[in-house]
Amino acid sequence: MFGNISFFKLLFILLKSIPKTLLESFFIFFSKSEEVLFLDYKDDFDMLVKILSITLTPKTIAFDHDEKYLYIHKMGD
């Protein structure tokens, strides 16, 4: 177990995001704007969970990080 979250909880979080991923992959062709967001994290495992969740979302991608924040590119409406 890593930190306060187990492998099965991580798997549940990722499987739960699949319907949103499919829906947003359809609407990405109609996106008109984009922005860069900053998302903070507590520890390395929290960073991993957030990066995997963000990467599964077609309109967003985590492209960099430092000791405190993840940098995310997001396409919007």
N, C-alpha and C. Protein backbone atom coordinates (compact mmCIF):
# COMPACT_ATOMS: atom_id res chain seq x y z
N MET A 1 0.84 -1.16 0.00
CA MET A 1 0.00 0.00 0.00
C MET A 1 0.89 1.24 0.00
N PHE A 2 0.54 2.24 -0.81
CA PHE A 2 1.28 3.49 -0.89
C PHE A 2 0.46 4.59 -0.24
N GLY A 3 1.00 5.22 0.80
CA GLY A 3 0.29 6.32 1.44
C GLY A 3 -1.03 5.86 2.02
N ASN A 4 -2.07 6.62 1.75
CA ASN A 4 -3.40 6.33 2.29
C ASN A 4 -4.32 5.68 1.27
N ILE A 5 -3.81 5.28 0.13
CA ILE A 5 -4.67 4.76 -0.93
C ILE A 5 -4.13 3.40 -1.39
N SER A 6 -5.01 2.48 -1.66
CA SER A 6 -4.59 1.15 -2.08
C SER A 6 -4.67 1.03 -3.60
N PHE A 7 -4.09 -0.03 -4.12
CA PHE A 7 -4.13 -0.28 -5.55
C PHE A 7 -5.56 -0.41 -6.06
N PHE A 8 -6.43 -1.05 -5.30
CA PHE A 8 -7.81 -1.24 -5.74
C PHE A 8 -8.59 0.07 -5.76
N LYS A 9 -8.27 0.97 -4.84
CA LYS A 9 -8.91 2.28 -4.86
C LYS A 9 -8.45 3.06 -6.08
N LEU A 10 -7.17 2.96 -6.42
CA LEU A 10 -6.65 3.60 -7.62
C LEU A 10 -7.33 3.03 -8.87
N LEU A 11 -7.48 1.72 -8.92
CA LEU A 11 -8.15 1.08 -10.05
C LEU A 11 -9.60 1.54 -10.16
N PHE A 12 -10.30 1.66 -9.04
CA PHE A 12 -11.68 2.14 -9.02
C PHE A 12 -11.76 3.57 -9.55
N ILE A 13 -10.84 4.43 -9.12
CA ILE A 13 -10.83 5.82 -9.58
C ILE A 13 -10.65 5.87 -11.10
N LEU A 14 -9.75 5.06 -11.62
CA LEU A 14 -9.50 5.07 -13.06
C LEU A 14 -10.66 4.50 -13.85
N LEU A 15 -11.26 3.41 -13.37
CA LEU A 15 -12.41 2.83 -14.08
C LEU A 15 -13.62 3.74 -14.04
N LYS A 16 -13.76 4.49 -12.96
CA LYS A 16 -14.88 5.42 -12.83
C LYS A 16 -14.79 6.56 -13.85
N SER A 17 -13.59 6.89 -14.30
CA SER A 17 -13.42 8.01 -15.22
C SER A 17 -13.57 7.63 -16.70
N ILE A 18 -13.73 6.35 -17.01
CA ILE A 18 -13.83 5.91 -18.40
C ILE A 18 -15.05 6.49 -19.13
N PRO A 19 -16.27 6.50 -18.56
CA PRO A 19 -17.40 7.11 -19.30
C PRO A 19 -17.18 8.59 -19.62
N LYS A 20 -16.60 9.33 -18.69
CA LYS A 20 -16.30 10.75 -18.95
C LYS A 20 -15.27 10.86 -20.07
N THR A 21 -14.31 9.96 -20.10
CA THR A 21 -13.28 9.96 -21.14
C THR A 21 -13.90 9.76 -22.51
N LEU A 22 -14.80 8.81 -22.62
CA LEU A 22 -15.44 8.55 -23.91
C LEU A 22 -16.29 9.74 -24.37
N LEU A 23 -17.03 10.34 -23.47
CA LEU A 23 -17.87 11.49 -23.82
C LEU A 23 -17.01 12.68 -24.25
N GLU A 24 -15.97 12.98 -23.50
CA GLU A 24 -15.14 14.13 -23.83
C GLU A 24 -14.31 13.91 -25.09
N SER A 25 -14.00 12.68 -25.41
CA SER A 25 -13.26 12.43 -26.65
C SER A 25 -14.11 12.76 -27.87
N PHE A 26 -15.42 12.66 -27.75
CA PHE A 26 -16.31 13.06 -28.83
C PHE A 26 -16.36 14.58 -28.97
N PHE A 27 -16.45 15.30 -27.85
CA PHE A 27 -16.62 16.74 -27.86
C PHE A 27 -15.32 17.52 -28.07
N ILE A 28 -14.18 16.85 -28.10
CA ILE A 28 -12.91 17.56 -28.25
C ILE A 28 -12.81 18.27 -29.61
N PHE A 29 -13.51 17.76 -30.61
CA PHE A 29 -13.47 18.36 -31.93
C PHE A 29 -14.17 19.72 -31.97
N PHE A 30 -15.01 20.00 -31.00
CA PHE A 30 -15.76 21.25 -30.97
C PHE A 30 -15.17 22.26 -29.99
N SER A 31 -14.02 21.98 -29.40
CA SER A 31 -13.39 22.86 -28.42
C SER A 31 -12.87 24.12 -29.10
N LYS A 32 -13.06 25.24 -28.46
CA LYS A 32 -12.66 26.51 -29.03
C LYS A 32 -11.57 27.22 -28.22
N SER A 33 -11.32 26.84 -27.00
CA SER A 33 -10.34 27.54 -26.18
C SER A 33 -9.42 26.54 -25.46
N GLU A 34 -8.35 27.08 -24.91
CA GLU A 34 -7.43 26.26 -24.13
C GLU A 34 -6.83 27.10 -23.02
N GLU A 35 -6.37 26.43 -21.96
CA GLU A 35 -5.78 27.13 -20.83
C GLU A 35 -4.79 26.22 -20.11
N VAL A 36 -3.94 26.84 -19.31
CA VAL A 36 -2.99 26.10 -18.48
C VAL A 36 -3.42 26.26 -17.03
N LEU A 37 -3.56 25.14 -16.32
CA LEU A 37 -4.00 25.13 -14.93
C LEU A 37 -2.87 24.61 -14.04
N PHE A 38 -2.96 24.94 -12.76
CA PHE A 38 -2.02 24.44 -11.75
C PHE A 38 -2.83 23.64 -10.74
N LEU A 39 -2.39 22.43 -10.43
CA LEU A 39 -3.07 21.56 -9.49
C LEU A 39 -2.07 21.10 -8.44
N ASP A 40 -2.37 21.34 -7.18
CA ASP A 40 -1.43 20.94 -6.13
C ASP A 40 -1.65 19.48 -5.73
N TYR A 41 -0.62 18.87 -5.17
CA TYR A 41 -0.68 17.48 -4.71
C TYR A 41 0.05 17.35 -3.38
N LYS A 42 -0.31 16.27 -2.63
CA LYS A 42 0.24 16.07 -1.28
C LYS A 42 1.55 15.29 -1.27
N ASP A 43 1.56 14.17 -2.00
CA ASP A 43 2.75 13.32 -2.02
C ASP A 43 2.88 12.70 -3.41
N ASP A 44 3.90 11.85 -3.59
CA ASP A 44 4.15 11.28 -4.92
C ASP A 44 3.01 10.39 -5.40
N PHE A 45 2.40 9.63 -4.50
CA PHE A 45 1.31 8.75 -4.93
C PHE A 45 0.07 9.57 -5.30
N ASP A 46 -0.20 10.63 -4.57
CA ASP A 46 -1.30 11.53 -4.92
C ASP A 46 -1.04 12.14 -6.30
N MET A 47 0.21 12.49 -6.57
CA MET A 47 0.58 13.02 -7.89
C MET A 47 0.31 11.97 -8.97
N LEU A 48 0.68 10.72 -8.73
CA LEU A 48 0.44 9.64 -9.69
C LEU A 48 -1.03 9.48 -9.98
N VAL A 49 -1.87 9.46 -8.95
CA VAL A 49 -3.31 9.31 -9.14
C VAL A 49 -3.87 10.46 -9.97
N LYS A 50 -3.45 11.67 -9.68
CA LYS A 50 -3.94 12.82 -10.43
C LYS A 50 -3.45 12.82 -11.87
N ILE A 51 -2.21 12.44 -12.10
CA ILE A 51 -1.69 12.38 -13.46
C ILE A 51 -2.43 11.34 -14.28
N LEU A 52 -2.68 10.17 -13.72
CA LEU A 52 -3.41 9.14 -14.45
C LEU A 52 -4.85 9.56 -14.74
N SER A 53 -5.50 10.18 -13.77
CA SER A 53 -6.87 10.65 -13.99
C SER A 53 -6.92 11.75 -15.05
N ILE A 54 -5.97 12.65 -15.01
CA ILE A 54 -5.92 13.74 -15.97
C ILE A 54 -5.61 13.21 -17.37
N THR A 55 -4.70 12.27 -17.47
CA THR A 55 -4.32 11.73 -18.76
C THR A 55 -5.46 10.94 -19.41
N LEU A 56 -6.31 10.32 -18.61
CA LEU A 56 -7.46 9.61 -19.17
C LEU A 56 -8.54 10.54 -19.71
N THR A 57 -8.49 11.79 -19.32
CA THR A 57 -9.47 12.76 -19.82
C THR A 57 -8.93 13.34 -21.12
N PRO A 58 -9.62 13.16 -22.24
CA PRO A 58 -9.07 13.57 -23.53
C PRO A 58 -8.80 15.07 -23.66
N LYS A 59 -9.51 15.92 -22.95
CA LYS A 59 -9.31 17.36 -23.08
C LYS A 59 -8.17 17.89 -22.21
N THR A 60 -7.56 17.07 -21.41
CA THR A 60 -6.51 17.54 -20.51
C THR A 60 -5.27 16.65 -20.58
N ILE A 61 -4.13 17.26 -20.27
CA ILE A 61 -2.89 16.49 -20.17
C ILE A 61 -1.98 17.19 -19.16
N ALA A 62 -1.36 16.41 -18.30
CA ALA A 62 -0.38 16.94 -17.36
C ALA A 62 0.96 16.95 -18.09
N PHE A 63 1.57 18.13 -18.22
CA PHE A 63 2.79 18.21 -19.01
C PHE A 63 4.04 18.53 -18.21
N ASP A 64 3.90 18.89 -16.94
CA ASP A 64 5.08 19.17 -16.12
C ASP A 64 4.68 19.19 -14.65
N HIS A 65 5.66 19.18 -13.76
CA HIS A 65 5.40 19.28 -12.33
C HIS A 65 6.63 19.83 -11.62
N ASP A 66 6.42 20.35 -10.44
CA ASP A 66 7.51 20.71 -9.56
C ASP A 66 7.21 20.13 -8.18
N GLU A 67 7.83 20.63 -7.12
CA GLU A 67 7.62 20.04 -5.79
C GLU A 67 6.21 20.25 -5.26
N LYS A 68 5.46 21.18 -5.82
CA LYS A 68 4.16 21.52 -5.26
C LYS A 68 3.00 21.39 -6.24
N TYR A 69 3.21 21.63 -7.53
CA TYR A 69 2.11 21.70 -8.49
C TYR A 69 2.32 20.81 -9.70
N LEU A 70 1.18 20.37 -10.26
CA LEU A 70 1.14 19.76 -11.59
C LEU A 70 0.70 20.85 -12.56
N TYR A 71 1.29 20.90 -13.73
CA TYR A 71 0.89 21.85 -14.75
C TYR A 71 0.07 21.11 -15.79
N ILE A 72 -1.12 21.61 -16.05
CA ILE A 72 -2.09 20.91 -16.88
C ILE A 72 -2.52 21.78 -18.05
N HIS A 73 -2.54 21.19 -19.23
CA HIS A 73 -3.07 21.86 -20.41
C HIS A 73 -4.50 21.36 -20.61
N LYS A 74 -5.44 22.28 -20.68
CA LYS A 74 -6.85 21.90 -20.81
C LYS A 74 -7.49 22.62 -21.97
N MET A 75 -8.20 21.89 -22.80
CA MET A 75 -8.99 22.48 -23.87
C MET A 75 -10.42 22.63 -23.38
N GLY A 76 -11.02 23.78 -23.62
CA GLY A 76 -12.38 24.03 -23.14
C GLY A 76 -13.34 24.29 -24.27
N ASP A 77 -14.53 24.78 -23.91
CA ASP A 77 -15.56 25.05 -24.90
C ASP A 77 -15.48 26.46 -25.39
